[in-house]
Amino acid sequence: MACFIVPAAEAVITTVVAKVMKSKEKEETVKVSFADGTIENATKIKFSTKLGWLNKMLWGGSALLAFEHLWHGEVVPFFPFLTAVQNGETVEMLAEMGSAGVAMAVLVTAVWVGMLVVSSIIEKRALVAPELSKAGA
């Protein structure tokens, strides 16, 4: 019925937070030494960029769900837009939003947290790997 509204609301909030963070963040560079003696600058991925990953996942999922609901006639292009409200099924709609909508938003956020963990591991390995190869030489 309207489960896509919950991830869409989270997407709106995280979009605003990402925009605010992006304006306040500074680029962080790290010098990386390689085994052959070359030194290069590497930039760390900003948190606002990582938050952008979550935004894309939430907006994409919400758009796909909204299209699916439109396809099945649960969302209509005229007021009140949701057929559940027209038919007096508002309580059922809110229950679905509270169960399925929240579950979807939590699952997408959990996947994003997993992406952050993997990203952090990759960044740490990239910083440690040149030192290890330098020490082994």
Protein backbone atom coordinates (compact mmCIF):
# COMPACT_ATOMS: atom_id res chain seq x y z
CA MET A 1 0.00 0.00 0.00
CA ALA A 2 2.46 2.67 1.11
CA CYS A 3 5.49 0.85 2.45
CA PHE A 4 7.77 2.81 0.08
CA ILE A 5 7.08 6.01 2.05
CA VAL A 6 9.25 4.94 5.01
CA PRO A 7 12.49 4.40 3.01
CA ALA A 8 11.69 7.55 1.01
CA ALA A 9 11.39 9.55 4.24
CA GLU A 10 14.73 8.16 5.41
CA ALA A 11 16.19 9.09 2.02
CA VAL A 12 14.98 12.69 2.40
CA ILE A 13 16.58 12.95 5.84
CA THR A 14 19.89 11.40 4.79
CA THR A 15 20.01 13.59 1.68
CA VAL A 16 19.73 16.73 3.78
CA VAL A 17 22.34 15.42 6.26
CA ALA A 18 24.73 14.52 3.41
CA LYS A 19 24.40 18.00 1.88
CA VAL A 20 25.13 19.66 5.23
CA MET A 21 28.07 17.35 5.93
CA LYS A 22 29.52 17.83 2.45
CA SER A 23 29.68 21.59 2.94
CA LYS A 24 31.55 21.18 6.24
CA GLU A 25 33.93 18.31 5.38
CA LYS A 26 37.52 18.82 4.36
CA GLU A 27 39.43 16.54 2.06
CA GLU A 28 41.80 14.27 3.98
CA THR A 29 44.91 13.10 2.15
CA VAL A 30 47.41 10.51 3.29
CA LYS A 31 50.90 9.92 1.91
CA VAL A 32 51.48 6.34 0.86
CA SER A 33 55.03 4.98 0.38
CA PHE A 34 55.50 2.10 -2.05
CA ALA A 35 58.23 -0.56 -2.11
CA ASP A 36 59.95 1.03 -5.11
CA GLY A 37 60.40 4.26 -3.14
CA THR A 38 57.63 6.27 -4.78
CA ILE A 39 55.34 8.33 -2.61
CA GLU A 40 51.80 9.19 -3.62
CA ASN A 41 48.92 11.04 -2.03
CA ALA A 42 45.72 9.12 -1.45
CA THR A 43 42.44 10.70 -0.42
CA LYS A 44 40.17 9.02 2.04
CA ILE A 45 36.53 8.58 1.10
CA LYS A 46 34.47 11.30 2.78
CA PHE A 47 31.59 10.25 5.01
CA SER A 48 29.22 12.40 2.98
CA THR A 49 30.15 10.30 -0.06
CA LYS A 50 29.46 7.12 1.89
CA LEU A 51 26.15 8.59 3.02
CA GLY A 52 25.46 9.22 -0.66
CA TRP A 53 25.66 5.45 -1.19
CA LEU A 54 22.83 5.01 1.31
CA ASN A 55 20.84 7.77 -0.40
CA LYS A 56 21.13 6.08 -3.78
CA MET A 57 20.05 2.74 -2.35
CA LEU A 58 17.07 4.27 -0.54
CA TRP A 59 15.94 6.48 -3.43
CA GLY A 60 16.30 3.64 -5.93
CA GLY A 61 14.39 1.17 -3.79
CA SER A 62 11.67 3.68 -3.01
CA ALA A 63 11.24 4.59 -6.68
CA LEU A 64 11.02 0.94 -7.66
CA LEU A 65 8.46 0.23 -4.93
CA ALA A 66 6.43 3.32 -5.82
CA PHE A 67 6.34 2.19 -9.46
CA GLU A 68 5.25 -1.29 -8.37
CA HIS A 69 2.44 0.18 -6.26
CA LEU A 70 1.43 2.45 -9.14
CA TRP A 71 1.43 -0.56 -11.48
CA HIS A 72 -0.93 -2.46 -9.18
CA GLY A 73 -3.27 0.50 -8.74
CA GLU A 74 -2.46 1.15 -5.08
CA VAL A 75 -1.12 4.61 -5.90
CA VAL A 76 -3.14 6.86 -8.19
CA PRO A 77 -2.23 10.19 -9.84
CA PHE A 78 -5.00 12.14 -8.09
CA PHE A 79 -5.74 13.14 -4.51
CA PRO A 80 -5.48 11.41 -2.00
CA PHE A 81 -2.97 9.41 -4.13
CA LEU A 82 -3.24 6.24 -2.03
CA THR A 83 -6.24 4.01 -2.67
CA ALA A 84 -6.06 2.75 0.91
CA VAL A 85 -6.98 6.22 2.13
CA GLN A 86 -9.82 6.43 -0.39
CA ASN A 87 -11.22 3.05 0.68
CA GLY A 88 -10.99 3.73 4.42
CA GLU A 89 -8.10 1.29 4.94
CA THR A 90 -5.83 3.85 6.58
CA VAL A 91 -5.19 1.71 9.67
CA GLU A 92 -4.06 -1.24 7.53
CA MET A 93 -1.88 1.08 5.47
CA LEU A 94 -0.18 2.48 8.56
CA ALA A 95 0.33 -1.05 9.89
CA GLU A 96 2.01 -2.04 6.63
CA MET A 97 4.20 1.06 6.76
CA GLY A 98 5.16 0.18 10.34
CA SER A 99 6.02 -3.41 9.53
CA ALA A 100 7.14 -3.78 5.91
CA GLY A 101 8.29 -0.18 5.39
CA VAL A 102 10.39 -0.03 8.54
CA ALA A 103 11.81 -3.51 7.86
CA MET A 104 12.89 -2.47 4.36
CA ALA A 105 14.48 0.75 5.58
CA VAL A 106 16.34 -1.10 8.35
CA LEU A 107 17.53 -3.80 5.94
CA VAL A 108 18.85 -1.26 3.43
CA THR A 109 20.61 0.63 6.23
CA ALA A 110 22.12 -2.62 7.56
CA VAL A 111 23.47 -3.46 4.09
CA TRP A 112 24.95 0.05 3.92
CA VAL A 113 26.64 -0.46 7.31
CA GLY A 114 28.14 -3.65 5.89
CA MET A 115 29.41 -1.62 2.95
CA LEU A 116 31.02 0.84 5.39
CA VAL A 117 32.79 -2.01 7.18
CA VAL A 118 34.14 -3.43 3.92
CA SER A 119 35.17 0.04 2.76
CA SER A 120 37.00 0.69 6.01
CA ILE A 121 38.85 -2.64 5.76
CA ILE A 122 39.90 -1.88 2.18
CA GLU A 123 41.13 1.60 3.13
CA LYS A 124 43.13 0.25 6.07
CA ARG A 125 44.70 -2.49 3.94
CA ALA A 126 45.67 0.07 1.31
CA LEU A 127 47.51 2.10 3.94
CA VAL A 128 49.19 -0.89 5.59
CA ALA A 129 50.09 -2.82 2.43
CA PRO A 130 52.75 -0.37 1.12
CA GLU A 131 54.45 -0.36 4.54
CA LEU A 132 54.51 -4.16 4.61
CA SER A 133 55.98 -4.40 1.12
CA LYS A 134 58.56 -1.75 2.03
CA ALA A 135 59.53 -3.64 5.20
CA GLY A 136 59.82 -6.93 3.30
CA ALA A 137 62.15 -5.46 0.67
